[in-house]
PDB file of N, CA and C in Angstrom:
ATOM      1  N   MET A   1      92.127  78.161  92.790  1.00  0.00           N
ATOM      2  CA  MET A   1      92.716  79.268  92.063  1.00  0.00           C
ATOM      3  C   MET A   1      91.656  79.897  91.180  1.00  0.00           C
ATOM      4  N   ALA A   2      91.647  81.193  91.080  1.00  0.00           N
ATOM      5  CA  ALA A   2      90.636  81.925  90.349  1.00  0.00           C
ATOM      6  C   ALA A   2      90.890  81.923  88.852  1.00  0.00           C
ATOM      7  N   GLY A   3      92.030  81.506  88.393  1.00  0.00           N
ATOM      8  CA  GLY A   3      92.355  81.583  86.980  1.00  0.00           C
ATOM      9  C   GLY A   3      93.380  82.668  86.762  1.00  0.00           C
ATOM     10  N   ASP A   4      93.630  82.941  85.492  1.00  0.00           N
ATOM     11  CA  ASP A   4      94.615  83.961  85.171  1.00  0.00           C
ATOM     12  C   ASP A   4      94.001  85.338  85.289  1.00  0.00           C
ATOM     13  N   VAL A   5      94.824  86.299  85.629  1.00  0.00           N
ATOM     14  CA  VAL A   5      94.403  87.684  85.709  1.00  0.00           C
ATOM     15  C   VAL A   5      95.235  88.453  84.703  1.00  0.00           C
ATOM     16  N   ASP A   6      94.556  89.156  83.784  1.00  0.00           N
ATOM     17  CA  ASP A   6      95.238  89.976  82.799  1.00  0.00           C
ATOM     18  C   ASP A   6      95.053  91.425  83.226  1.00  0.00           C
ATOM     19  N   VAL A   7      96.121  92.167  83.324  1.00  0.00           N
ATOM     20  CA  VAL A   7      96.029  93.555  83.761  1.00  0.00           C
ATOM     21  C   VAL A   7      96.243  94.459  82.569  1.00  0.00           C
ATOM     22  N   ASP A   8      95.240  95.294  82.274  1.00  0.00           N
ATOM     23  CA  ASP A   8      95.342  96.299  81.230  1.00  0.00           C
ATOM     24  C   ASP A   8      95.676  97.609  81.913  1.00  0.00           C
ATOM     25  N   THR A   9      96.931  98.011  81.807  1.00  0.00           N
ATOM     26  CA  THR A   9      97.372  99.182  82.551  1.00  0.00           C
ATOM     27  C   THR A   9      98.382  99.967  81.744  1.00  0.00           C
ATOM     28  N   ASP A  10      98.521 101.224  82.044  1.00  0.00           N
ATOM     29  CA  ASP A  10      99.576 102.048  81.483  1.00  0.00           C
ATOM     30  C   ASP A  10     100.742 101.987  82.448  1.00  0.00           C
ATOM     31  N   ASP A  11     101.809 101.333  82.047  1.00  0.00           N
ATOM     32  CA  ASP A  11     102.972 101.215  82.923  1.00  0.00           C
ATOM     33  C   ASP A  11     103.540 102.586  83.244  1.00  0.00           C
ATOM     34  N   ASP A  12     103.931 102.739  84.510  1.00  0.00           N
ATOM     35  CA  ASP A  12     104.590 103.959  84.971  1.00  0.00           C
ATOM     36  C   ASP A  12     103.792 105.222  84.694  1.00  0.00           C
ATOM     37  N   SER A  13     102.472 105.149  84.737  1.00  0.00           N
ATOM     38  CA  SER A  13     101.675 106.350  84.531  1.00  0.00           C
ATOM     39  C   SER A  13     101.846 107.268  85.736  1.00  0.00           C
ATOM     40  N   MET A  14     101.927 108.557  85.474  1.00  0.00           N
ATOM     41  CA  MET A  14     102.139 109.525  86.544  1.00  0.00           C
ATOM     42  C   MET A  14     100.863 110.316  86.780  1.00  0.00           C
ATOM     43  N   ILE A  15     100.510 110.481  88.043  1.00  0.00           N
ATOM     44  CA  ILE A  15      99.418 111.346  88.448  1.00  0.00           C
ATOM     45  C   ILE A  15      99.947 112.226  89.560  1.00  0.00           C
ATOM     46  N   SER A  16      99.221 113.252  89.910  1.00  0.00           N
ATOM     47  CA  SER A  16      99.640 114.119  91.013  1.00  0.00           C
ATOM     48  C   SER A  16      98.655 113.991  92.152  1.00  0.00           C
ATOM     49  N   GLY A  17      99.163 114.004  93.363  1.00  0.00           N
ATOM     50  CA  GLY A  17      98.325 113.927  94.544  1.00  0.00           C
ATOM     51  C   GLY A  17      97.785 115.292  94.935  1.00  0.00           C
ATOM     52  N   ASP A  18      97.034 115.334  96.049  1.00  0.00           N
ATOM     53  CA  ASP A  18      96.439 116.563  96.580  1.00  0.00           C
ATOM     54  C   ASP A  18      97.429 117.705  96.646  1.00  0.00           C
ATOM     55  N   ASP A  19      98.622 117.378  97.099  1.00  0.00           N
ATOM     56  CA  ASP A  19      99.624 118.417  97.342  1.00  0.00           C
ATOM     57  C   ASP A  19     100.521 118.650  96.137  1.00  0.00           C
ATOM     58  N   GLY A  20     100.185 118.073  94.992  1.00  0.00           N
ATOM     59  CA  GLY A  20     100.970 118.245  93.784  1.00  0.00           C
ATOM     60  C   GLY A  20     102.138 117.296  93.665  1.00  0.00           C
ATOM     61  N   ALA A  21     102.355 116.451  94.692  1.00  0.00           N
ATOM     62  CA  ALA A  21     103.469 115.508  94.640  1.00  0.00           C
ATOM     63  C   ALA A  21     103.164 114.407  93.632  1.00  0.00           C
ATOM     64  N   PRO A  22     104.125 114.071  92.768  1.00  0.00           N
ATOM     65  CA  PRO A  22     103.891 113.015  91.798  1.00  0.00           C
ATOM     66  C   PRO A  22     103.662 111.663  92.461  1.00  0.00           C
ATOM     67  N   VAL A  23     102.779 110.883  91.863  1.00  0.00           N
ATOM     68  CA  VAL A  23     102.496 109.528  92.290  1.00  0.00           C
ATOM     69  C   VAL A  23     102.640 108.649  91.060  1.00  0.00           C
ATOM     70  N   SER A  24     103.423 107.614  91.126  1.00  0.00           N
ATOM     71  CA  SER A  24     103.603 106.699  90.010  1.00  0.00           C
ATOM     72  C   SER A  24     102.841 105.411  90.301  1.00  0.00           C
ATOM     73  N   VAL A  25     102.026 104.963  89.346  1.00  0.00           N
ATOM     74  CA  VAL A  25     101.280 103.717  89.479  1.00  0.00           C
ATOM     75  C   VAL A  25     101.715 102.810  88.342  1.00  0.00           C
ATOM     76  N   ALA A  26     102.122 101.591  88.660  1.00  0.00           N
ATOM     77  CA  ALA A  26     102.599 100.677  87.627  1.00  0.00           C
ATOM     78  C   ALA A  26     102.021  99.293  87.826  1.00  0.00           C
ATOM     79  N   GLY A  27     101.764  98.622  86.717  1.00  0.00           N
ATOM     80  CA  GLY A  27     101.295  97.239  86.742  1.00  0.00           C
ATOM     81  C   GLY A  27     102.389  96.337  86.216  1.00  0.00           C
ATOM     82  N   PRO A  28     102.041  95.125  85.782  1.00  0.00           N
ATOM     83  CA  PRO A  28     103.029  94.204  85.243  1.00  0.00           C
ATOM     84  C   PRO A  28     103.743  94.826  84.045  1.00  0.00           C
ATOM     85  N   SER A  29     104.982  94.492  83.869  1.00  0.00           N
ATOM     86  CA  SER A  29     105.784  95.121  82.831  1.00  0.00           C
ATOM     87  C   SER A  29     105.308  94.813  81.417  1.00  0.00           C
ATOM     88  N   ASP A  30     104.745  93.638  81.174  1.00  0.00           N
ATOM     89  CA  ASP A  30     104.333  93.315  79.811  1.00  0.00           C
ATOM     90  C   ASP A  30     102.830  93.379  79.604  1.00  0.00           C
ATOM     91  N   GLY A  31     102.033  93.576  80.658  1.00  0.00           N
ATOM     92  CA  GLY A  31     100.589  93.670  80.520  1.00  0.00           C
ATOM     93  C   GLY A  31      99.928  92.362  80.109  1.00  0.00           C
ATOM     94  N   GLY A  32     100.681  91.265  80.065  1.00  0.00           N
ATOM     95  CA  GLY A  32     100.143  89.981  79.633  1.00  0.00           C
ATOM     96  C   GLY A  32      99.481  89.237  80.770  1.00  0.00           C
ATOM     97  N   PRO A  33      98.916  88.060  80.464  1.00  0.00           N
ATOM     98  CA  PRO A  33      98.231  87.273  81.497  1.00  0.00           C
ATOM     99  C   PRO A  33      99.166  86.893  82.631  1.00  0.00           C
ATOM    100  N   LEU A  34      98.616  86.912  83.813  1.00  0.00           N
ATOM    101  CA  LEU A  34      99.356  86.516  85.000  1.00  0.00           C
ATOM    102  C   LEU A  34      98.770  85.229  85.527  1.00  0.00           C
ATOM    103  N   SER A  35      99.531  84.496  86.272  1.00  0.00           N
ATOM    104  CA  SER A  35      99.074  83.226  86.808  1.00  0.00           C
ATOM    105  C   SER A  35      98.433  83.409  88.168  1.00  0.00           C
ATOM    106  N   GLY A  36      97.120  83.640  88.186  1.00  0.00           N
ATOM    107  CA  GLY A  36      96.370  83.655  89.421  1.00  0.00           C
ATOM    108  C   GLY A  36      96.428  84.901  90.278  1.00  0.00           C
ATOM    109  N   HIS A  37      97.435  85.720  90.159  1.00  0.00           N
ATOM    110  CA  HIS A  37      97.559  86.903  90.998  1.00  0.00           C
ATOM    111  C   HIS A  37      97.843  88.125  90.136  1.00  0.00           C
ATOM    112  N   SER A  38      97.290  89.241  90.538  1.00  0.00           N
ATOM    113  CA  SER A  38      97.597  90.508  89.901  1.00  0.00           C
ATOM    114  C   SER A  38      98.423  91.318  90.879  1.00  0.00           C
ATOM    115  N   ARG A  39      99.595  91.756  90.453  1.00  0.00           N
ATOM    116  CA  ARG A  39     100.446  92.570  91.313  1.00  0.00           C
ATOM    117  C   ARG A  39     100.581  93.946  90.678  1.00  0.00           C
ATOM    118  N   THR A  40     100.384  94.969  91.480  1.00  0.00           N
ATOM    119  CA  THR A  40     100.518  96.340  91.034  1.00  0.00           C
ATOM    120  C   THR A  40     101.259  97.093  92.124  1.00  0.00           C
ATOM    121  N   SER A  41     101.937  98.143  91.732  1.00  0.00           N
ATOM    122  CA  SER A  41     102.648  98.936  92.729  1.00  0.00           C
ATOM    123  C   SER A  41     102.382 100.412  92.494  1.00  0.00           C
ATOM    124  N   TRP A  42     102.587 101.191  93.527  1.00  0.00           N
ATOM    125  CA  TRP A  42     102.535 102.637  93.411  1.00  0.00           C
ATOM    126  C   TRP A  42     103.694 103.203  94.197  1.00  0.00           C
ATOM    127  N   THR A  43     104.158 104.373  93.765  1.00  0.00           N
ATOM    128  CA  THR A  43     105.248 105.054  94.447  1.00  0.00           C
ATOM    129  C   THR A  43     104.774 106.438  94.847  1.00  0.00           C
ATOM    130  N   LEU A  44     104.915 106.736  96.116  1.00  0.00           N
ATOM    131  CA  LEU A  44     104.554 108.052  96.643  1.00  0.00           C
ATOM    132  C   LEU A  44     105.817 108.850  96.904  1.00  0.00           C
ATOM    133  N   GLU A  45     105.836 110.087  96.449  1.00  0.00           N
ATOM    134  CA  GLU A  45     106.974 110.962  96.738  1.00  0.00           C
ATOM    135  C   GLU A  45     106.938 111.409  98.196  1.00  0.00           C
ATOM    136  N   ARG A  46     105.709 111.574  98.747  1.00  0.00           N
ATOM    137  CA  ARG A  46     105.491 111.913 100.161  1.00  0.00           C
ATOM    138  C   ARG A  46     104.427 110.979 100.710  1.00  0.00           C
ATOM    139  N   ALA A  47     104.354 110.859 102.020  1.00  0.00           N
ATOM    140  CA  ALA A  47     103.314 110.030 102.646  1.00  0.00           C
ATOM    141  C   ALA A  47     101.942 110.495 102.174  1.00  0.00           C
ATOM    142  N   GLY A  48     101.018 109.539 102.001  1.00  0.00           N
ATOM    143  CA  GLY A  48      99.686 109.901 101.540  1.00  0.00           C
ATOM    144  C   GLY A  48      98.670 108.812 101.816  1.00  0.00           C
ATOM    145  N   GLN A  49      97.401 109.178 101.735  1.00  0.00           N
ATOM    146  CA  GLN A  49      96.276 108.274 101.956  1.00  0.00           C
ATOM    147  C   GLN A  49      96.049 107.429 100.706  1.00  0.00           C
ATOM    148  N   VAL A  50      95.832 106.124 100.895  1.00  0.00           N
ATOM    149  CA  VAL A  50      95.563 105.208  99.792  1.00  0.00           C
ATOM    150  C   VAL A  50      94.314 104.403 100.125  1.00  0.00           C
ATOM    151  N   GLU A  51      93.397 104.307  99.173  1.00  0.00           N
ATOM    152  CA  GLU A  51      92.168 103.528  99.306  1.00  0.00           C
ATOM    153  C   GLU A  51      91.947 102.834  97.972  1.00  0.00           C
ATOM    154  N   LEU A  52      92.044 101.500  97.951  1.00  0.00           N
ATOM    155  CA  LEU A  52      91.880 100.747  96.708  1.00  0.00           C
ATOM    156  C   LEU A  52      90.959  99.553  96.921  1.00  0.00           C
ATOM    157  N   SER A  53      90.093  99.307  95.938  1.00  0.00           N
ATOM    158  CA  SER A  53      89.179  98.172  95.960  1.00  0.00           C
ATOM    159  C   SER A  53      89.087  97.572  94.569  1.00  0.00           C
ATOM    160  N   ILE A  54      88.574  96.363  94.490  1.00  0.00           N
ATOM    161  CA  ILE A  54      88.246  95.720  93.222  1.00  0.00           C
ATOM    162  C   ILE A  54      86.745  95.872  93.034  1.00  0.00           C
ATOM    163  N   LEU A  55      86.344  96.363  91.849  1.00  0.00           N
ATOM    164  CA  LEU A  55      84.935  96.545  91.519  1.00  0.00           C
ATOM    165  C   LEU A  55      84.572  95.676  90.326  1.00  0.00           C
ATOM    166  N   ASP A  56      83.306  95.207  90.282  1.00  0.00           N
ATOM    167  CA  ASP A  56      82.860  94.505  89.082  1.00  0.00           C
ATOM    168  C   ASP A  56      82.392  95.541  88.059  1.00  0.00           C
ATOM    169  N   VAL A  57      81.915  95.102  86.897  1.00  0.00           N
ATOM    170  CA  VAL A  57      81.547  96.040  85.834  1.00  0.00           C
ATOM    171  C   VAL A  57      80.333  96.895  86.192  1.00  0.00           C
ATOM    172  N   THR A  58      79.561  96.505  87.199  1.00  0.00           N
ATOM    173  CA  THR A  58      78.423  97.318  87.635  1.00  0.00           C
ATOM    174  C   THR A  58      78.836  98.353  88.673  1.00  0.00           C
ATOM    175  N   GLY A  59      80.098  98.335  89.119  1.00  0.00           N
ATOM    176  CA  GLY A  59      80.587  99.264  90.120  1.00  0.00           C
ATOM    177  C   GLY A  59      80.454  98.750  91.546  1.00  0.00           C
ATOM    178  N   ARG A  60      79.985  97.512  91.708  1.00  0.00           N
ATOM    179  CA  ARG A  60      79.845  96.914  93.038  1.00  0.00           C
ATOM    180  C   ARG A  60      81.214  96.481  93.544  1.00  0.00           C
ATOM    181  N   ARG A  61      81.508  96.813  94.825  1.00  0.00           N
ATOM    182  CA  ARG A  61      82.790  96.413  95.403  1.00  0.00           C
ATOM    183  C   ARG A  61      82.812  94.906  95.605  1.00  0.00           C
ATOM    184  N   VAL A  62      83.854  94.289  95.076  1.00  0.00           N
ATOM    185  CA  VAL A  62      84.055  92.849  95.178  1.00  0.00           C
ATOM    186  C   VAL A  62      85.063  92.538  96.267  1.00  0.00           C
ATOM    187  N   ARG A  63      86.110  93.364  96.356  1.00  0.00           N
ATOM    188  CA  ARG A  63      87.185  93.104  97.309  1.00  0.00           C
ATOM    189  C   ARG A  63      87.822  94.412  97.750  1.00  0.00           C
ATOM    190  N   HIS A  64      87.964  94.602  99.043  1.00  0.00           N
ATOM    191  CA  HIS A  64      88.703  95.734  99.581  1.00  0.00           C
ATOM    192  C   HIS A  64      90.173  95.341  99.584  1.00  0.00           C
ATOM    193  N   LEU A  65      91.026  96.178  99.011  1.00  0.00           N
ATOM    194  CA  LEU A  65      92.459  95.859  98.939  1.00  0.00           C
ATOM    195  C   LEU A  65      93.259  96.542 100.036  1.00  0.00           C
ATOM    196  N   VAL A  66      93.261  97.855 100.048  1.00  0.00           N
ATOM    197  CA  VAL A  66      94.045  98.594 101.035  1.00  0.00           C
ATOM    198  C   VAL A  66      93.333  99.884 101.415  1.00  0.00           C
ATOM    199  N   SER A  67      93.595 100.329 102.626  1.00  0.00           N
ATOM    200  CA  SER A  67      93.061 101.588 103.115  1.00  0.00           C
ATOM    201  C   SER A  67      93.977 102.084 104.218  1.00  0.00           C
ATOM    202  N   GLY A  68      94.465 103.308 104.092  1.00  0.00           N
ATOM    203  CA  GLY A  68      95.305 103.856 105.142  1.00  0.00           C
ATOM    204  C   GLY A  68      96.310 104.842 104.611  1.00  0.00           C
ATOM    205  N   THR A  69      97.128 105.334 105.504  1.00  0.00           N
ATOM    206  CA  THR A  69      98.188 106.260 105.137  1.00  0.00           C
ATOM    207  C   THR A  69      99.456 105.456 104.908  1.00  0.00           C
ATOM    208  N   PHE A  70     100.081 105.700 103.777  1.00  0.00           N
ATOM    209  CA  PHE A  70     101.301 104.986 103.411  1.00  0.00           C
ATOM    210  C   PHE A  70     102.463 105.964 103.348  1.00  0.00           C
ATOM    211  N   SER A  71     103.624 105.501 103.747  1.00  0.00           N
ATOM    212  CA  SER A  71     104.828 106.329 103.745  1.00  0.00           C
ATOM    213  C   SER A  71     105.318 106.559 102.317  1.00  0.00           C
ATOM    214  N   ALA A  72     106.208 107.522 102.176  1.00  0.00           N
ATOM    215  CA  ALA A  72     106.840 107.760 100.886  1.00  0.00           C
ATOM    216  C   ALA A  72     107.576 106.493 100.464  1.00  0.00           C
ATOM    217  N   GLY A  73     107.613 106.246  99.176  1.00  0.00           N
ATOM    218  CA  GLY A  73     108.297 105.070  98.654  1.00  0.00           C
ATOM    219  C   GLY A  73     107.369 104.214  97.818  1.00  0.00           C
ATOM    220  N   THR A  74     107.858 103.059  97.426  1.00  0.00           N
ATOM    221  CA  THR A  74     107.110 102.143  96.582  1.00  0.00           C
ATOM    222  C   THR A  74     106.388 101.111  97.430  1.00  0.00           C
ATOM    223  N   HIS A  75     105.132 100.859  97.080  1.00  0.00           N
ATOM    224  CA  HIS A  75     104.294  99.900  97.800  1.00  0.00           C
ATOM    225  C   HIS A  75     103.651  98.960  96.785  1.00  0.00           C
ATOM    226  N   ASP A  76     103.550  97.684  97.127  1.00  0.00           N
ATOM    227  CA  ASP A  76     102.971  96.671  96.254  1.00  0.00           C
ATOM    228  C   ASP A  76     101.686  96.137  96.854  1.00  0.00           C
ATOM    229  N   PHE A  77     100.796  95.672  95.998  1.00  0.00           N
ATOM    230  CA  PHE A  77      99.653  94.909  96.462  1.00  0.00           C
ATOM    231  C   PHE A  77      99.372  93.837  95.427  1.00  0.00           C
ATOM    232  N   ALA A  78      98.683  92.809  95.863  1.00  0.00           N
ATOM    233  CA  ALA A  78      98.317  91.720  94.958  1.00  0.00           C
ATOM    234  C   ALA A  78      96.845  91.388  95.156  1.00  0.00           C
ATOM    235  N   TRP A  79      96.189  91.022  94.073  1.00  0.00           N
ATOM    236  CA  TRP A  79      94.823  90.514  94.141  1.00  0.00           C
ATOM    237  C   TRP A  79      94.851  89.089  93.634  1.00  0.00           C
ATOM    238  N   ASP A  80      94.299  88.177  94.416  1.00  0.00           N
ATOM    239  CA  ASP A  80      94.321  86.760  94.091  1.00  0.00           C
ATOM    240  C   ASP A  80      93.091  86.279  93.340  1.00  0.00           C
ATOM    241  N   GLY A  81      92.247  87.194  92.865  1.00  0.00           N
ATOM    242  CA  GLY A  81      91.061  86.801  92.117  1.00  0.00           C
ATOM    243  C   GLY A  81      89.917  86.340  93.010  1.00  0.00           C
ATOM    244  N   ARG A  82      89.966  86.704  94.290  1.00  0.00           N
ATOM    245  CA  ARG A  82      88.915  86.308  95.235  1.00  0.00           C
ATOM    246  C   ARG A  82      88.188  87.539  95.755  1.00  0.00           C
ATOM    247  N   ASP A  83      86.928  87.314  96.195  1.00  0.00           N
ATOM    248  CA  ASP A  83      86.143  88.411  96.762  1.00  0.00           C
ATOM    249  C   ASP A  83      86.431  88.547  98.253  1.00  0.00           C
ATOM    250  N   ASP A  84      85.737  89.467  98.919  1.00  0.00           N
ATOM    251  CA  ASP A  84      85.958  89.686 100.352  1.00  0.00           C
ATOM    252  C   ASP A  84      85.647  88.449 101.186  1.00  0.00           C
ATOM    253  N   GLY A  85      84.789  87.560 100.680  1.00  0.00           N
ATOM    254  CA  GLY A  85      84.442  86.324 101.396  1.00  0.00           C
ATOM    255  C   GLY A  85      85.393  85.174 101.113  1.00  0.00           C
ATOM    256  N   GLY A  86      86.422  85.408 100.284  1.00  0.00           N
ATOM    257  CA  GLY A  86      87.401  84.367  99.974  1.00  0.00           C
ATOM    258  C   GLY A  86      87.012  83.472  98.811  1.00  0.00           C
ATOM    259  N   ARG A  87      85.897  83.783  98.129  1.00  0.00           N
ATOM    260  CA  ARG A  87      85.446  82.977  97.000  1.00  0.00           C
ATOM    261  C   ARG A  87      86.081  83.475  95.707  1.00  0.00           C
ATOM    262  N   SER A  88      86.407  82.562  94.819  1.00  0.00           N
ATOM    263  CA  SER A  88      86.925  82.940  93.504  1.00  0.00           C
ATOM    264  C   SER A  88      85.848  83.683  92.734  1.00  0.00           C
ATOM    265  N   VAL A  89      86.228  84.783  92.092  1.00  0.00           N
ATOM    266  CA  VAL A  89      85.263  85.517  91.283  1.00  0.00           C
ATOM    267  C   VAL A  89      85.107  84.835  89.927  1.00  0.00           C
ATOM    268  N   LYS A  90      84.005  85.128  89.261  1.00  0.00           N
ATOM    269  CA  LYS A  90      83.732  84.563  87.940  1.00  0.00           C
ATOM    270  C   LYS A  90      84.631  85.221  86.906  1.00  0.00           C
ATOM    271  N   PRO A  91      84.925  84.523  85.817  1.00  0.00           N
ATOM    272  CA  PRO A  91      85.700  85.151  84.738  1.00  0.00           C
ATOM    273  C   PRO A  91      84.975  86.398  84.237  1.00  0.00           C
ATOM    274  N   GLY A  92      85.745  87.394  83.855  1.00  0.00           N
ATOM    275  CA  GLY A  92      85.170  88.634  83.335  1.00  0.00           C
ATOM    276  C   GLY A  92      86.029  89.826  83.671  1.00  0.00           C
ATOM    277  N   ALA A  93      85.492  91.012  83.396  1.00  0.00           N
ATOM    278  CA  ALA A  93      86.221  92.259  83.622  1.00  0.00           C
ATOM    279  C   ALA A  93      85.952  92.789  85.021  1.00  0.00           C
ATOM    280  N   TYR A  94      86.994  93.304  85.640  1.00  0.00           N
ATOM    281  CA  TYR A  94      86.933  93.930  86.955  1.00  0.00           C
ATOM    282  C   TYR A  94      87.814  95.170  86.898  1.00  0.00           C
ATOM    283  N   PHE A  95      87.695  96.013  87.905  1.00  0.00           N
ATOM    284  CA  PHE A  95      88.500  97.225  87.960  1.00  0.00           C
ATOM    285  C   PHE A  95      89.100  97.384  89.343  1.00  0.00           C
ATOM    286  N   MET A  96      90.396  97.694  89.394  1.00  0.00           N
ATOM    287  CA  MET A  96      91.024  98.133  90.615  1.00  0.00           C
ATOM    288  C   MET A  96      90.810  99.643  90.596  1.00  0.00           C
ATOM    289  N   ALA A  97      90.144 100.174  91.614  1.00  0.00           N
ATOM    290  CA  ALA A  97      89.827 101.596  91.608  1.00  0.00           C
ATOM    291  C   ALA A  97      89.944 102.164  93.009  1.00  0.00           C
ATOM    292  N   GLY A  98      90.185 103.455  93.074  1.00  0.00           N
ATOM    293  CA  GLY A  98      90.265 104.133  94.365  1.00  0.00           C
ATOM    294  C   GLY A  98      91.048 105.410  94.245  1.00  0.00           C
ATOM    295  N   THR A  99      91.653 105.799  95.367  1.00  0.00           N
ATOM    296  CA  THR A  99      92.449 107.022  95.376  1.00  0.00           C
ATOM    297  C   THR A  99      93.831 106.749  95.951  1.00  0.00           C
ATOM    298  N   ILE A 100      94.796 107.434  95.372  1.00  0.00           N
ATOM    299  CA  ILE A 100      96.172 107.385  95.849  1.00  0.00           C
ATOM    300  C   ILE A 100      96.604 108.832  96.003  1.00  0.00           C
ATOM    301  N   ALA A 101      96.906 109.230  97.229  1.00  0.00           N
ATOM    302  CA  ALA A 101      97.311 110.610  97.531  1.00  0.00           C
ATOM    303  C   ALA A 101      96.309 111.616  96.968  1.00  0.00           C
ATOM    304  N   GLY A 102      95.015 111.314  97.098  1.00  0.00           N
ATOM    305  CA  GLY A 102      93.973 112.237  96.684  1.00  0.00           C
ATOM    306  C   GLY A 102      93.593 112.200  95.222  1.00  0.00           C
ATOM    307  N   GLU A 103      94.277 111.404  94.419  1.00  0.00           N
ATOM    308  CA  GLU A 103      93.967 111.288  92.998  1.00  0.00           C
ATOM    309  C   GLU A 103      93.274 109.972  92.714  1.00  0.00           C
ATOM    310  N   ARG A 104      92.196 110.052  91.935  1.00  0.00           N
ATOM    311  CA  ARG A 104      91.480 108.834  91.555  1.00  0.00           C
ATOM    312  C   ARG A 104      92.310 108.048  90.540  1.00  0.00           C
ATOM    313  N   THR A 105      92.274 106.737  90.681  1.00  0.00           N
ATOM    314  CA  THR A 105      92.995 105.865  89.768  1.00  0.00           C
ATOM    315  C   THR A 105      92.162 104.623  89.495  1.00  0.00           C
ATOM    316  N   SER A 106      92.350 104.024  88.346  1.00  0.00           N
ATOM    317  CA  SER A 106      91.695 102.744  88.051  1.00  0.00           C
ATOM    318  C   SER A 106      92.506 101.989  87.018  1.00  0.00           C
ATOM    319  N   GLN A 107      92.424 100.678  87.107  1.00  0.00           N
ATOM    320  CA  GLN A 107      93.068  99.788  86.145  1.00  0.00           C
ATOM    321  C   GLN A 107      92.106  98.649  85.876  1.00  0.00           C
ATOM    322  N   ARG A 108      91.985  98.275  84.622  1.00  0.00           N
ATOM    323  CA  ARG A 108      91.118  97.169  84.254  1.00  0.00           C
ATOM    324  C   ARG A 108      91.844  95.862  84.467  1.00  0.00           C
ATOM    325  N   LEU A 109      91.148  94.894  85.070  1.00  0.00           N
ATOM    326  CA  LEU A 109      91.663  93.555  85.301  1.00  0.00           C
ATOM    327  C   LEU A 109      90.699  92.576  84.660  1.00  0.00           C
ATOM    328  N   VAL A 110      91.204  91.579  83.983  1.00  0.00           N
ATOM    329  CA  VAL A 110      90.348  90.593  83.336  1.00  0.00           C
ATOM    330  C   VAL A 110      90.680  89.216  83.876  1.00  0.00           C
ATOM    331  N   ILE A 111      89.668  88.550  84.436  1.00  0.00           N
ATOM    332  CA  ILE A 111      89.840  87.178  84.907  1.00  0.00           C
ATOM    333  C   ILE A 111      89.554  86.266  83.729  1.00  0.00           C
ATOM    334  N   LEU A 112      90.554  85.476  83.362  1.00  0.00           N
ATOM    335  CA  LEU A 112      90.421  84.491  82.302  1.00  0.00           C
ATOM    336  C   LEU A 112      90.138  83.140  82.937  1.00  0.00           C
ATOM    337  N   HIS A 113      89.778  82.184  82.196  1.00  0.00           N
ATOM    338  CA  HIS A 113      89.568  80.843  82.760  1.00  0.00           C
ATOM    339  C   HIS A 113      90.809  80.029  82.723  1.00  0.00           C
TER     340      HIS A 113
END
């Protein structure tokens, strides 16, 4: 297990996609430490392209999360604190970053011990 993951996020933050359709991105309801996994969701009003990765503080990609076209509705993803090779990452700050329906998004994630 990689340790606890703390997600620093604005719950229910709204952004607009390429076509002006609202996109809602939400993290854990209390923003407190999670046990080993980080779960975040996004809601698309219309189908749209989603590309999300985990980056370290230098901007290097640590883990590819999702890539593709997603249907309208709510979608969840989880990060288990591991890199693309399946190794636990070191404690520290990371960022979930990418695009959802053409809009850039990022959330800070902190791996605790």
